[in-house]
Amino acid sequence: MNRIAQKSIHFIKIIIKLITGVPFLTLSIFGNLIVGLFALVVYFLEKDINPKLNTYLDSLWWSFSTTTTVGYGDIVPITDTGKVIGIGLMLVGVALFSIYTALFARAILDDPDYMD
């Protein structure tokens, strides 16, 4: 097997070990619970007010797009409270993805074969 194939297999093993580890799984579960909770709060807060928010799935779409900082703008909160919740969710999203990035970097940099 050539060197590139060996390095690729080694890298895949590092990533599999990372994503099956307790820190990554805990962060994923916690992050998804936060996204779902924010979606639920905004849904109940704006379901009768916001014409773009008709179902829980609509609010879940908004919550995920806000958390990932994509923010398509197809669904936006219209109440002041909804906007404040959105700001909080943006901050949570930045923090979550920063932690994911740190976990990936640590997994790669802690590998003794990284610099080979």
PDB file of N, CA and C in Angstrom:
ATOM      1  N   MET A   1       0.859  -1.176   0.000  1.00  0.00           N
ATOM      2  CA  MET A   1       0.000   0.000   0.000  1.00  0.00           C
ATOM      3  C   MET A   1       0.904   1.238   0.000  1.00  0.00           C
ATOM      4  N   ASN A   2       0.576   2.194  -0.828  1.00  0.00           N
ATOM      5  CA  ASN A   2       1.432   3.384  -0.903  1.00  0.00           C
ATOM      6  C   ASN A   2       1.231   4.307   0.299  1.00  0.00           C
ATOM      7  N   ARG A   3       2.120   5.248   0.430  1.00  0.00           N
ATOM      8  CA  ARG A   3       2.160   6.154   1.588  1.00  0.00           C
ATOM      9  C   ARG A   3       0.892   7.007   1.702  1.00  0.00           C
ATOM     10  N   ILE A   4       0.378   7.499   0.587  1.00  0.00           N
ATOM     11  CA  ILE A   4      -0.825   8.341   0.617  1.00  0.00           C
ATOM     12  C   ILE A   4      -2.026   7.542   1.107  1.00  0.00           C
ATOM     13  N   ALA A   5      -2.156   6.322   0.639  1.00  0.00           N
ATOM     14  CA  ALA A   5      -3.265   5.472   1.082  1.00  0.00           C
ATOM     15  C   ALA A   5      -3.153   5.176   2.571  1.00  0.00           C
ATOM     16  N   GLN A   6      -1.947   4.915   3.052  1.00  0.00           N
ATOM     17  CA  GLN A   6      -1.746   4.646   4.481  1.00  0.00           C
ATOM     18  C   GLN A   6      -2.109   5.865   5.324  1.00  0.00           C
ATOM     19  N   LYS A   7      -1.673   7.045   4.879  1.00  0.00           N
ATOM     20  CA  LYS A   7      -1.994   8.280   5.610  1.00  0.00           C
ATOM     21  C   LYS A   7      -3.499   8.542   5.605  1.00  0.00           C
ATOM     22  N   SER A   8      -4.148   8.267   4.472  1.00  0.00           N
ATOM     23  CA  SER A   8      -5.597   8.473   4.368  1.00  0.00           C
ATOM     24  C   SER A   8      -6.340   7.550   5.323  1.00  0.00           C
ATOM     25  N   ILE A   9      -5.959   6.295   5.361  1.00  0.00           N
ATOM     26  CA  ILE A   9      -6.601   5.334   6.264  1.00  0.00           C
ATOM     27  C   ILE A   9      -6.357   5.739   7.711  1.00  0.00           C
ATOM     28  N   HIS A  10      -5.153   6.158   8.015  1.00  0.00           N
ATOM     29  CA  HIS A  10      -4.819   6.610   9.371  1.00  0.00           C
ATOM     30  C   HIS A  10      -5.679   7.817   9.763  1.00  0.00           C
ATOM     31  N   PHE A  11      -5.823   8.768   8.845  1.00  0.00           N
ATOM     32  CA  PHE A  11      -6.625   9.959   9.108  1.00  0.00           C
ATOM     33  C   PHE A  11      -8.092   9.582   9.335  1.00  0.00           C
ATOM     34  N   ILE A  12      -8.620   8.679   8.536  1.00  0.00           N
ATOM     35  CA  ILE A  12     -10.008   8.225   8.701  1.00  0.00           C
ATOM     36  C   ILE A  12     -10.195   7.584  10.078  1.00  0.00           C
ATOM     37  N   LYS A  13      -9.212   6.796  10.509  1.00  0.00           N
ATOM     38  CA  LYS A  13      -9.292   6.178  11.839  1.00  0.00           C
ATOM     39  C   LYS A  13      -9.323   7.238  12.940  1.00  0.00           C
ATOM     40  N   ILE A  14      -8.526   8.297  12.783  1.00  0.00           N
ATOM     41  CA  ILE A  14      -8.523   9.386  13.766  1.00  0.00           C
ATOM     42  C   ILE A  14      -9.901  10.039  13.828  1.00  0.00           C
ATOM     43  N   ILE A  15     -10.489  10.301  12.675  1.00  0.00           N
ATOM     44  CA  ILE A  15     -11.801  10.957  12.625  1.00  0.00           C
ATOM     45  C   ILE A  15     -12.881  10.050  13.218  1.00  0.00           C
ATOM     46  N   ILE A  16     -12.842   8.766  12.915  1.00  0.00           N
ATOM     47  CA  ILE A  16     -13.835   7.833  13.473  1.00  0.00           C
ATOM     48  C   ILE A  16     -13.706   7.778  14.993  1.00  0.00           C
ATOM     49  N   LYS A  17     -12.459   7.730  15.479  1.00  0.00           N
ATOM     50  CA  LYS A  17     -12.248   7.727  16.928  1.00  0.00           C
ATOM     51  C   LYS A  17     -12.794   9.008  17.555  1.00  0.00           C
ATOM     52  N   LEU A  18     -12.580  10.135  16.871  1.00  0.00           N
ATOM     53  CA  LEU A  18     -13.082  11.417  17.378  1.00  0.00           C
ATOM     54  C   LEU A  18     -14.602  11.436  17.447  1.00  0.00           C
ATOM     55  N   ILE A  19     -15.271  11.096  16.356  1.00  0.00           N
ATOM     56  CA  ILE A  19     -16.726  11.241  16.319  1.00  0.00           C
ATOM     57  C   ILE A  19     -17.466  10.175  17.115  1.00  0.00           C
ATOM     58  N   THR A  20     -16.775   9.139  17.548  1.00  0.00           N
ATOM     59  CA  THR A  20     -17.404   8.148  18.423  1.00  0.00           C
ATOM     60  C   THR A  20     -17.003   8.349  19.882  1.00  0.00           C
ATOM     61  N   GLY A  21     -16.213   9.376  20.150  1.00  0.00           N
ATOM     62  CA  GLY A  21     -15.770   9.655  21.520  1.00  0.00           C
ATOM     63  C   GLY A  21     -16.816  10.421  22.312  1.00  0.00           C
ATOM     64  N   VAL A  22     -16.676  10.348  23.616  1.00  0.00           N
ATOM     65  CA  VAL A  22     -17.625  10.979  24.534  1.00  0.00           C
ATOM     66  C   VAL A  22     -17.727  12.494  24.339  1.00  0.00           C
ATOM     67  N   PRO A  23     -16.608  13.233  24.225  1.00  0.00           N
ATOM     68  CA  PRO A  23     -16.749  14.691  24.070  1.00  0.00           C
ATOM     69  C   PRO A  23     -17.546  15.089  22.824  1.00  0.00           C
ATOM     70  N   PHE A  24     -17.261  14.455  21.699  1.00  0.00           N
ATOM     71  CA  PHE A  24     -17.957  14.791  20.453  1.00  0.00           C
ATOM     72  C   PHE A  24     -19.436  14.428  20.538  1.00  0.00           C
ATOM     73  N   LEU A  25     -19.727  13.238  21.039  1.00  0.00           N
ATOM     74  CA  LEU A  25     -21.126  12.808  21.151  1.00  0.00           C
ATOM     75  C   LEU A  25     -21.895  13.667  22.148  1.00  0.00           C
ATOM     76  N   THR A  26     -21.264  14.013  23.250  1.00  0.00           N
ATOM     77  CA  THR A  26     -21.907  14.880  24.240  1.00  0.00           C
ATOM     78  C   THR A  26     -22.220  16.242  23.643  1.00  0.00           C
ATOM     79  N   LEU A  27     -21.245  16.816  22.943  1.00  0.00           N
ATOM     80  CA  LEU A  27     -21.455  18.112  22.301  1.00  0.00           C
ATOM     81  C   LEU A  27     -22.564  18.033  21.253  1.00  0.00           C
ATOM     82  N   SER A  28     -22.592  16.956  20.485  1.00  0.00           N
ATOM     83  CA  SER A  28     -23.619  16.797  19.452  1.00  0.00           C
ATOM     84  C   SER A  28     -25.014  16.690  20.058  1.00  0.00           C
ATOM     85  N   ILE A  29     -25.139  15.883  21.101  1.00  0.00           N
ATOM     86  CA  ILE A  29     -26.445  15.727  21.755  1.00  0.00           C
ATOM     87  C   ILE A  29     -26.876  17.048  22.393  1.00  0.00           C
ATOM     88  N   PHE A  30     -25.967  17.673  23.126  1.00  0.00           N
ATOM     89  CA  PHE A  30     -26.264  18.946  23.780  1.00  0.00           C
ATOM     90  C   PHE A  30     -26.636  20.013  22.740  1.00  0.00           C
ATOM     91  N   GLY A  31     -25.859  20.104  21.680  1.00  0.00           N
ATOM     92  CA  GLY A  31     -26.113  21.101  20.637  1.00  0.00           C
ATOM     93  C   GLY A  31     -27.458  20.908  19.969  1.00  0.00           C
ATOM     94  N   ASN A  32     -27.795  19.662  19.658  1.00  0.00           N
ATOM     95  CA  ASN A  32     -29.085  19.405  19.010  1.00  0.00           C
ATOM     96  C   ASN A  32     -30.256  19.652  19.958  1.00  0.00           C
ATOM     97  N   LEU A  33     -30.066  19.350  21.237  1.00  0.00           N
ATOM     98  CA  LEU A  33     -31.122  19.662  22.207  1.00  0.00           C
ATOM     99  C   LEU A  33     -31.345  21.171  22.307  1.00  0.00           C
ATOM    100  N   ILE A  34     -30.269  21.932  22.300  1.00  0.00           N
ATOM    101  CA  ILE A  34     -30.380  23.404  22.342  1.00  0.00           C
ATOM    102  C   ILE A  34     -31.128  23.912  21.110  1.00  0.00           C
ATOM    103  N   VAL A  35     -30.737  23.422  19.947  1.00  0.00           N
ATOM    104  CA  VAL A  35     -31.388  23.852  18.699  1.00  0.00           C
ATOM    105  C   VAL A  35     -32.876  23.518  18.744  1.00  0.00           C
ATOM    106  N   GLY A  36     -33.211  22.313  19.173  1.00  0.00           N
ATOM    107  CA  GLY A  36     -34.613  21.909  19.272  1.00  0.00           C
ATOM    108  C   GLY A  36     -35.394  22.716  20.285  1.00  0.00           C
ATOM    109  N   LEU A  37     -34.767  23.019  21.416  1.00  0.00           N
ATOM    110  CA  LEU A  37     -35.425  23.806  22.457  1.00  0.00           C
ATOM    111  C   LEU A  37     -35.680  25.238  21.985  1.00  0.00           C
ATOM    112  N   PHE A  38     -34.687  25.854  21.362  1.00  0.00           N
ATOM    113  CA  PHE A  38     -34.871  27.207  20.840  1.00  0.00           C
ATOM    114  C   PHE A  38     -35.975  27.219  19.783  1.00  0.00           C
ATOM    115  N   ALA A  39     -36.000  26.188  18.942  1.00  0.00           N
ATOM    116  CA  ALA A  39     -37.041  26.092  17.919  1.00  0.00           C
ATOM    117  C   ALA A  39     -38.423  25.995  18.561  1.00  0.00           C
ATOM    118  N   LEU A  40     -38.533  25.211  19.607  1.00  0.00           N
ATOM    119  CA  LEU A  40     -39.814  25.049  20.303  1.00  0.00           C
ATOM    120  C   LEU A  40     -40.278  26.351  20.933  1.00  0.00           C
ATOM    121  N   VAL A  41     -39.363  27.051  21.575  1.00  0.00           N
ATOM    122  CA  VAL A  41     -39.706  28.323  22.210  1.00  0.00           C
ATOM    123  C   VAL A  41     -40.183  29.335  21.165  1.00  0.00           C
ATOM    124  N   VAL A  42     -39.430  29.454  20.077  1.00  0.00           N
ATOM    125  CA  VAL A  42     -39.807  30.415  19.031  1.00  0.00           C
ATOM    126  C   VAL A  42     -41.113  29.999  18.366  1.00  0.00           C
ATOM    127  N   TYR A  43     -41.323  28.705  18.195  1.00  0.00           N
ATOM    128  CA  TYR A  43     -42.576  28.241  17.597  1.00  0.00           C
ATOM    129  C   TYR A  43     -43.770  28.673  18.445  1.00  0.00           C
ATOM    130  N   PHE A  44     -43.719  28.398  19.743  1.00  0.00           N
ATOM    131  CA  PHE A  44     -44.848  28.763  20.604  1.00  0.00           C
ATOM    132  C   PHE A  44     -44.977  30.275  20.777  1.00  0.00           C
ATOM    133  N   LEU A  45     -43.872  30.981  20.679  1.00  0.00           N
ATOM    134  CA  LEU A  45     -43.887  32.432  20.810  1.00  0.00           C
ATOM    135  C   LEU A  45     -44.483  33.111  19.580  1.00  0.00           C
ATOM    136  N   GLU A  46     -44.215  32.578  18.390  1.00  0.00           N
ATOM    137  CA  GLU A  46     -44.573  33.289  17.165  1.00  0.00           C
ATOM    138  C   GLU A  46     -45.551  32.559  16.237  1.00  0.00           C
ATOM    139  N   LYS A  47     -46.025  31.383  16.615  1.00  0.00           N
ATOM    140  CA  LYS A  47     -46.845  30.597  15.688  1.00  0.00           C
ATOM    141  C   LYS A  47     -48.122  31.307  15.235  1.00  0.00           C
ATOM    142  N   ASP A  48     -48.726  32.104  16.080  1.00  0.00           N
ATOM    143  CA  ASP A  48     -49.958  32.805  15.699  1.00  0.00           C
ATOM    144  C   ASP A  48     -49.692  34.224  15.197  1.00  0.00           C
ATOM    145  N   ILE A  49     -48.446  34.644  15.233  1.00  0.00           N
ATOM    146  CA  ILE A  49     -48.093  36.010  14.852  1.00  0.00           C
ATOM    147  C   ILE A  49     -47.337  36.050  13.526  1.00  0.00           C
ATOM    148  N   ASN A  50     -46.405  35.105  13.369  1.00  0.00           N
ATOM    149  CA  ASN A  50     -45.509  35.106  12.221  1.00  0.00           C
ATOM    150  C   ASN A  50     -46.092  34.276  11.072  1.00  0.00           C
ATOM    151  N   PRO A  51     -46.425  34.896   9.951  1.00  0.00           N
ATOM    152  CA  PRO A  51     -47.030  34.146   8.838  1.00  0.00           C
ATOM    153  C   PRO A  51     -46.076  33.139   8.185  1.00  0.00           C
ATOM    154  N   LYS A  52     -44.783  33.265   8.407  1.00  0.00           N
ATOM    155  CA  LYS A  52     -43.808  32.332   7.832  1.00  0.00           C
ATOM    156  C   LYS A  52     -43.559  31.123   8.733  1.00  0.00           C
ATOM    157  N   LEU A  53     -44.089  31.153   9.938  1.00  0.00           N
ATOM    158  CA  LEU A  53     -43.838  30.107  10.919  1.00  0.00           C
ATOM    159  C   LEU A  53     -45.130  29.340  11.165  1.00  0.00           C
ATOM    160  N   ASN A  54     -45.395  28.345  10.326  1.00  0.00           N
ATOM    161  CA  ASN A  54     -46.658  27.610  10.394  1.00  0.00           C
ATOM    162  C   ASN A  54     -46.571  26.294  11.157  1.00  0.00           C
ATOM    163  N   THR A  55     -45.390  25.679  11.181  1.00  0.00           N
ATOM    164  CA  THR A  55     -45.226  24.383  11.835  1.00  0.00           C
ATOM    165  C   THR A  55     -43.959  24.390  12.680  1.00  0.00           C
ATOM    166  N   TYR A  56     -43.847  23.361  13.524  1.00  0.00           N
ATOM    167  CA  TYR A  56     -42.620  23.217  14.304  1.00  0.00           C
ATOM    168  C   TYR A  56     -41.430  23.005  13.369  1.00  0.00           C
ATOM    169  N   LEU A  57     -41.640  22.312  12.261  1.00  0.00           N
ATOM    170  CA  LEU A  57     -40.562  22.106  11.298  1.00  0.00           C
ATOM    171  C   LEU A  57     -40.043  23.435  10.738  1.00  0.00           C
ATOM    172  N   ASP A  58     -40.937  24.384  10.533  1.00  0.00           N
ATOM    173  CA  ASP A  58     -40.504  25.722  10.104  1.00  0.00           C
ATOM    174  C   ASP A  58     -39.572  26.352  11.142  1.00  0.00           C
ATOM    175  N   SER A  59     -39.949  26.238  12.409  1.00  0.00           N
ATOM    176  CA  SER A  59     -39.112  26.829  13.457  1.00  0.00           C
ATOM    177  C   SER A  59     -37.813  26.050  13.629  1.00  0.00           C
ATOM    178  N   LEU A  60     -37.860  24.751  13.412  1.00  0.00           N
ATOM    179  CA  LEU A  60     -36.642  23.947  13.482  1.00  0.00           C
ATOM    180  C   LEU A  60     -35.695  24.327  12.342  1.00  0.00           C
ATOM    181  N   TRP A  61     -36.237  24.562  11.153  1.00  0.00           N
ATOM    182  CA  TRP A  61     -35.440  25.036  10.018  1.00  0.00           C
ATOM    183  C   TRP A  61     -34.776  26.374  10.370  1.00  0.00           C
ATOM    184  N   TRP A  62     -35.566  27.274  10.924  1.00  0.00           N
ATOM    185  CA  TRP A  62     -35.019  28.573  11.328  1.00  0.00           C
ATOM    186  C   TRP A  62     -33.910  28.389  12.354  1.00  0.00           C
ATOM    187  N   SER A  63     -34.145  27.528  13.330  1.00  0.00           N
ATOM    188  CA  SER A  63     -33.185  27.328  14.401  1.00  0.00           C
ATOM    189  C   SER A  63     -31.860  26.761  13.878  1.00  0.00           C
ATOM    190  N   PHE A  64     -31.928  25.764  13.010  1.00  0.00           N
ATOM    191  CA  PHE A  64     -30.704  25.191  12.447  1.00  0.00           C
ATOM    192  C   PHE A  64     -29.979  26.192  11.558  1.00  0.00           C
ATOM    193  N   SER A  65     -30.704  26.920  10.737  1.00  0.00           N
ATOM    194  CA  SER A  65     -30.030  27.879   9.853  1.00  0.00           C
ATOM    195  C   SER A  65     -29.436  29.042  10.647  1.00  0.00           C
ATOM    196  N   THR A  66     -30.046  29.385  11.761  1.00  0.00           N
ATOM    197  CA  THR A  66     -29.504  30.438  12.612  1.00  0.00           C
ATOM    198  C   THR A  66     -28.281  29.937  13.369  1.00  0.00           C
ATOM    199  N   THR A  67     -28.352  28.728  13.891  1.00  0.00           N
ATOM    200  CA  THR A  67     -27.234  28.157  14.639  1.00  0.00           C
ATOM    201  C   THR A  67     -25.991  28.021  13.761  1.00  0.00           C
ATOM    202  N   THR A  68     -26.187  27.624  12.526  1.00  0.00           N
ATOM    203  CA  THR A  68     -25.041  27.437  11.630  1.00  0.00           C
ATOM    204  C   THR A  68     -24.595  28.750  11.004  1.00  0.00           C
ATOM    205  N   THR A  69     -25.208  29.833  11.384  1.00  0.00           N
ATOM    206  CA  THR A  69     -24.949  31.194  10.902  1.00  0.00           C
ATOM    207  C   THR A  69     -25.180  31.346   9.411  1.00  0.00           C
ATOM    208  N   VAL A  70     -25.947  30.428   8.826  1.00  0.00           N
ATOM    209  CA  VAL A  70     -26.312  30.560   7.416  1.00  0.00           C
ATOM    210  C   VAL A  70     -27.396  31.623   7.291  1.00  0.00           C
ATOM    211  N   GLY A  71     -28.428  31.502   8.119  1.00  0.00           N
ATOM    212  CA  GLY A  71     -29.490  32.499   8.181  1.00  0.00           C
ATOM    213  C   GLY A  71     -30.034  32.897   6.825  1.00  0.00           C
ATOM    214  N   TYR A  72     -30.701  31.990   6.147  1.00  0.00           N
ATOM    215  CA  TYR A  72     -31.206  32.258   4.799  1.00  0.00           C
ATOM    216  C   TYR A  72     -32.113  33.478   4.714  1.00  0.00           C
ATOM    217  N   GLY A  73     -32.835  33.758   5.780  1.00  0.00           N
ATOM    218  CA  GLY A  73     -33.728  34.908   5.769  1.00  0.00           C
ATOM    219  C   GLY A  73     -35.123  34.580   5.282  1.00  0.00           C
ATOM    220  N   ASP A  74     -35.372  33.316   4.941  1.00  0.00           N
ATOM    221  CA  ASP A  74     -36.717  32.931   4.510  1.00  0.00           C
ATOM    222  C   ASP A  74     -37.689  32.914   5.679  1.00  0.00           C
ATOM    223  N   ILE A  75     -37.195  32.633   6.873  1.00  0.00           N
ATOM    224  CA  ILE A  75     -37.996  32.678   8.099  1.00  0.00           C
ATOM    225  C   ILE A  75     -37.212  33.507   9.105  1.00  0.00           C
ATOM    226  N   VAL A  76     -37.831  34.544   9.605  1.00  0.00           N
ATOM    227  CA  VAL A  76     -37.185  35.382  10.621  1.00  0.00           C
ATOM    228  C   VAL A  76     -38.193  35.687  11.725  1.00  0.00           C
ATOM    229  N   PRO A  77     -37.718  35.798  12.959  1.00  0.00           N
ATOM    230  CA  PRO A  77     -38.644  36.177  14.032  1.00  0.00           C
ATOM    231  C   PRO A  77     -39.092  37.622  13.851  1.00  0.00           C
ATOM    232  N   ILE A  78     -40.344  37.883  14.213  1.00  0.00           N
ATOM    233  CA  ILE A  78     -40.847  39.250  14.057  1.00  0.00           C
ATOM    234  C   ILE A  78     -41.101  39.936  15.399  1.00  0.00           C
ATOM    235  N   THR A  79     -41.118  39.154  16.485  1.00  0.00           N
ATOM    236  CA  THR A  79     -41.294  39.771  17.798  1.00  0.00           C
ATOM    237  C   THR A  79     -39.932  40.151  18.370  1.00  0.00           C
ATOM    238  N   ASP A  80     -39.934  41.103  19.269  1.00  0.00           N
ATOM    239  CA  ASP A  80     -38.673  41.494  19.912  1.00  0.00           C
ATOM    240  C   ASP A  80     -38.071  40.320  20.685  1.00  0.00           C
ATOM    241  N   THR A  81     -38.917  39.585  21.386  1.00  0.00           N
ATOM    242  CA  THR A  81     -38.431  38.427  22.150  1.00  0.00           C
ATOM    243  C   THR A  81     -37.842  37.381  21.215  1.00  0.00           C
ATOM    244  N   GLY A  82     -38.491  37.142  20.088  1.00  0.00           N
ATOM    245  CA  GLY A  82     -37.977  36.196  19.107  1.00  0.00           C
ATOM    246  C   GLY A  82     -36.629  36.619  18.556  1.00  0.00           C
ATOM    247  N   LYS A  83     -36.458  37.909  18.344  1.00  0.00           N
ATOM    248  CA  LYS A  83     -35.174  38.427  17.844  1.00  0.00           C
ATOM    249  C   LYS A  83     -34.074  38.255  18.886  1.00  0.00           C
ATOM    250  N   VAL A  84     -34.395  38.501  20.161  1.00  0.00           N
ATOM    251  CA  VAL A  84     -33.414  38.307  21.229  1.00  0.00           C
ATOM    252  C   VAL A  84     -33.037  36.828  21.333  1.00  0.00           C
ATOM    253  N   ILE A  85     -34.012  35.945  21.207  1.00  0.00           N
ATOM    254  CA  ILE A  85     -33.736  34.508  21.212  1.00  0.00           C
ATOM    255  C   ILE A  85     -32.836  34.155  20.028  1.00  0.00           C
ATOM    256  N   GLY A  86     -33.081  34.750  18.884  1.00  0.00           N
ATOM    257  CA  GLY A  86     -32.240  34.524  17.708  1.00  0.00           C
ATOM    258  C   GLY A  86     -30.800  34.955  17.939  1.00  0.00           C
ATOM    259  N   ILE A  87     -30.622  36.091  18.584  1.00  0.00           N
ATOM    260  CA  ILE A  87     -29.267  36.565  18.906  1.00  0.00           C
ATOM    261  C   ILE A  87     -28.565  35.559  19.819  1.00  0.00           C
ATOM    262  N   GLY A  88     -29.293  35.085  20.822  1.00  0.00           N
ATOM    263  CA  GLY A  88     -28.720  34.077  21.721  1.00  0.00           C
ATOM    264  C   GLY A  88     -28.343  32.808  20.979  1.00  0.00           C
ATOM    265  N   LEU A  89     -29.189  32.393  20.059  1.00  0.00           N
ATOM    266  CA  LEU A  89     -28.927  31.185  19.287  1.00  0.00           C
ATOM    267  C   LEU A  89     -27.715  31.365  18.373  1.00  0.00           C
ATOM    268  N   MET A  90     -27.531  32.535  17.825  1.00  0.00           N
ATOM    269  CA  MET A  90     -26.341  32.799  17.010  1.00  0.00           C
ATOM    270  C   MET A  90     -25.075  32.664  17.848  1.00  0.00           C
ATOM    271  N   LEU A  91     -25.099  33.207  19.061  1.00  0.00           N
ATOM    272  CA  LEU A  91     -23.939  33.099  19.945  1.00  0.00           C
ATOM    273  C   LEU A  91     -23.660  31.647  20.325  1.00  0.00           C
ATOM    274  N   VAL A  92     -24.717  30.910  20.603  1.00  0.00           N
ATOM    275  CA  VAL A  92     -24.573  29.485  20.918  1.00  0.00           C
ATOM    276  C   VAL A  92     -23.982  28.744  19.720  1.00  0.00           C
ATOM    277  N   GLY A  93     -24.450  29.059  18.530  1.00  0.00           N
ATOM    278  CA  GLY A  93     -23.948  28.405  17.323  1.00  0.00           C
ATOM    279  C   GLY A  93     -22.468  28.646  17.106  1.00  0.00           C
ATOM    280  N   VAL A  94     -22.030  29.875  17.276  1.00  0.00           N
ATOM    281  CA  VAL A  94     -20.608  30.190  17.125  1.00  0.00           C
ATOM    282  C   VAL A  94     -19.791  29.411  18.154  1.00  0.00           C
ATOM    283  N   ALA A  95     -20.270  29.352  19.378  1.00  0.00           N
ATOM    284  CA  ALA A  95     -19.557  28.614  20.430  1.00  0.00           C
ATOM    285  C   ALA A  95     -19.497  27.121  20.110  1.00  0.00           C
ATOM    286  N   LEU A  96     -20.626  26.543  19.682  1.00  0.00           N
ATOM    287  CA  LEU A  96     -20.645  25.115  19.358  1.00  0.00           C
ATOM    288  C   LEU A  96     -19.668  24.777  18.241  1.00  0.00           C
ATOM    289  N   PHE A  97     -19.672  25.554  17.182  1.00  0.00           N
ATOM    290  CA  PHE A  97     -18.786  25.246  16.059  1.00  0.00           C
ATOM    291  C   PHE A  97     -17.327  25.529  16.398  1.00  0.00           C
ATOM    292  N   SER A  98     -17.077  26.444  17.302  1.00  0.00           N
ATOM    293  CA  SER A  98     -15.709  26.665  17.768  1.00  0.00           C
ATOM    294  C   SER A  98     -15.210  25.448  18.541  1.00  0.00           C
ATOM    295  N   ILE A  99     -16.070  24.883  19.358  1.00  0.00           N
ATOM    296  CA  ILE A  99     -15.693  23.696  20.118  1.00  0.00           C
ATOM    297  C   ILE A  99     -15.473  22.511  19.184  1.00  0.00           C
ATOM    298  N   TYR A 100     -16.342  22.336  18.186  1.00  0.00           N
ATOM    299  CA  TYR A 100     -16.136  21.269  17.201  1.00  0.00           C
ATOM    300  C   TYR A 100     -14.785  21.437  16.508  1.00  0.00           C
ATOM    301  N   THR A 101     -14.471  22.644  16.105  1.00  0.00           N
ATOM    302  CA  THR A 101     -13.195  22.908  15.441  1.00  0.00           C
ATOM    303  C   THR A 101     -12.028  22.562  16.357  1.00  0.00           C
ATOM    304  N   ALA A 102     -12.119  22.933  17.620  1.00  0.00           N
ATOM    305  CA  ALA A 102     -11.055  22.625  18.580  1.00  0.00           C
ATOM    306  C   ALA A 102     -10.904  21.116  18.761  1.00  0.00           C
ATOM    307  N   LEU A 103     -12.014  20.390  18.811  1.00  0.00           N
ATOM    308  CA  LEU A 103     -11.939  18.931  18.956  1.00  0.00           C
ATOM    309  C   LEU A 103     -11.228  18.296  17.762  1.00  0.00           C
ATOM    310  N   PHE A 104     -11.580  18.739  16.548  1.00  0.00           N
ATOM    311  CA  PHE A 104     -10.930  18.196  15.352  1.00  0.00           C
ATOM    312  C   PHE A 104      -9.442  18.539  15.336  1.00  0.00           C
ATOM    313  N   ALA A 105      -9.109  19.774  15.661  1.00  0.00           N
ATOM    314  CA  ALA A 105      -7.706  20.188  15.659  1.00  0.00           C
ATOM    315  C   ALA A 105      -6.907  19.396  16.688  1.00  0.00           C
ATOM    316  N   ARG A 106      -7.466  19.236  17.864  1.00  0.00           N
ATOM    317  CA  ARG A 106      -6.765  18.480  18.906  1.00  0.00           C
ATOM    318  C   ARG A 106      -6.555  17.030  18.504  1.00  0.00           C
ATOM    319  N   ALA A 107      -7.575  16.423  17.897  1.00  0.00           N
ATOM    320  CA  ALA A 107      -7.457  15.021  17.473  1.00  0.00           C
ATOM    321  C   ALA A 107      -6.340  14.845  16.446  1.00  0.00           C
ATOM    322  N   ILE A 108      -6.205  15.797  15.548  1.00  0.00           N
ATOM    323  CA  ILE A 108      -5.180  15.689  14.511  1.00  0.00           C
ATOM    324  C   ILE A 108      -3.803  16.036  15.082  1.00  0.00           C
ATOM    325  N   LEU A 109      -3.724  17.121  15.824  1.00  0.00           N
ATOM    326  CA  LEU A 109      -2.422  17.563  16.335  1.00  0.00           C
ATOM    327  C   LEU A 109      -1.870  16.659  17.437  1.00  0.00           C
ATOM    328  N   ASP A 110      -2.735  15.985  18.187  1.00  0.00           N
ATOM    329  CA  ASP A 110      -2.275  15.074  19.228  1.00  0.00           C
ATOM    330  C   ASP A 110      -1.771  13.746  18.671  1.00  0.00           C
ATOM    331  N   ASP A 111      -2.021  13.505  17.404  1.00  0.00           N
ATOM    332  CA  ASP A 111      -1.588  12.265  16.776  1.00  0.00           C
ATOM    333  C   ASP A 111      -0.070  12.289  16.580  1.00  0.00           C
ATOM    334  N   PRO A 112       0.646  11.307  17.118  1.00  0.00           N
ATOM    335  CA  PRO A 112       2.106  11.327  17.004  1.00  0.00           C
ATOM    336  C   PRO A 112       2.602  11.201  15.557  1.00  0.00           C
ATOM    337  N   ASP A 113       1.790  10.666  14.667  1.00  0.00           N
ATOM    338  CA  ASP A 113       2.193  10.483  13.272  1.00  0.00           C
ATOM    339  C   ASP A 113       1.806  11.669  12.391  1.00  0.00           C
ATOM    340  N   TYR A 114       1.265  12.738  12.992  1.00  0.00           N
ATOM    341  CA  TYR A 114       0.775  13.870  12.208  1.00  0.00           C
ATOM    342  C   TYR A 114       1.863  14.517  11.351  1.00  0.00           C
ATOM    343  N   MET A 115       3.037  14.678  11.889  1.00  0.00           N
ATOM    344  CA  MET A 115       4.098  15.393  11.173  1.00  0.00           C
ATOM    345  C   MET A 115       4.955  14.481  10.305  1.00  0.00           C
ATOM    346  N   ASP A 116       4.655  13.214  10.236  1.00  0.00           N
ATOM    347  CA  ASP A 116       5.449  12.306   9.377  1.00  0.00           C
ATOM    348  C   ASP A 116       5.269  12.601   7.920  1.00  0.00           C
TER     349      ASP A 116
END
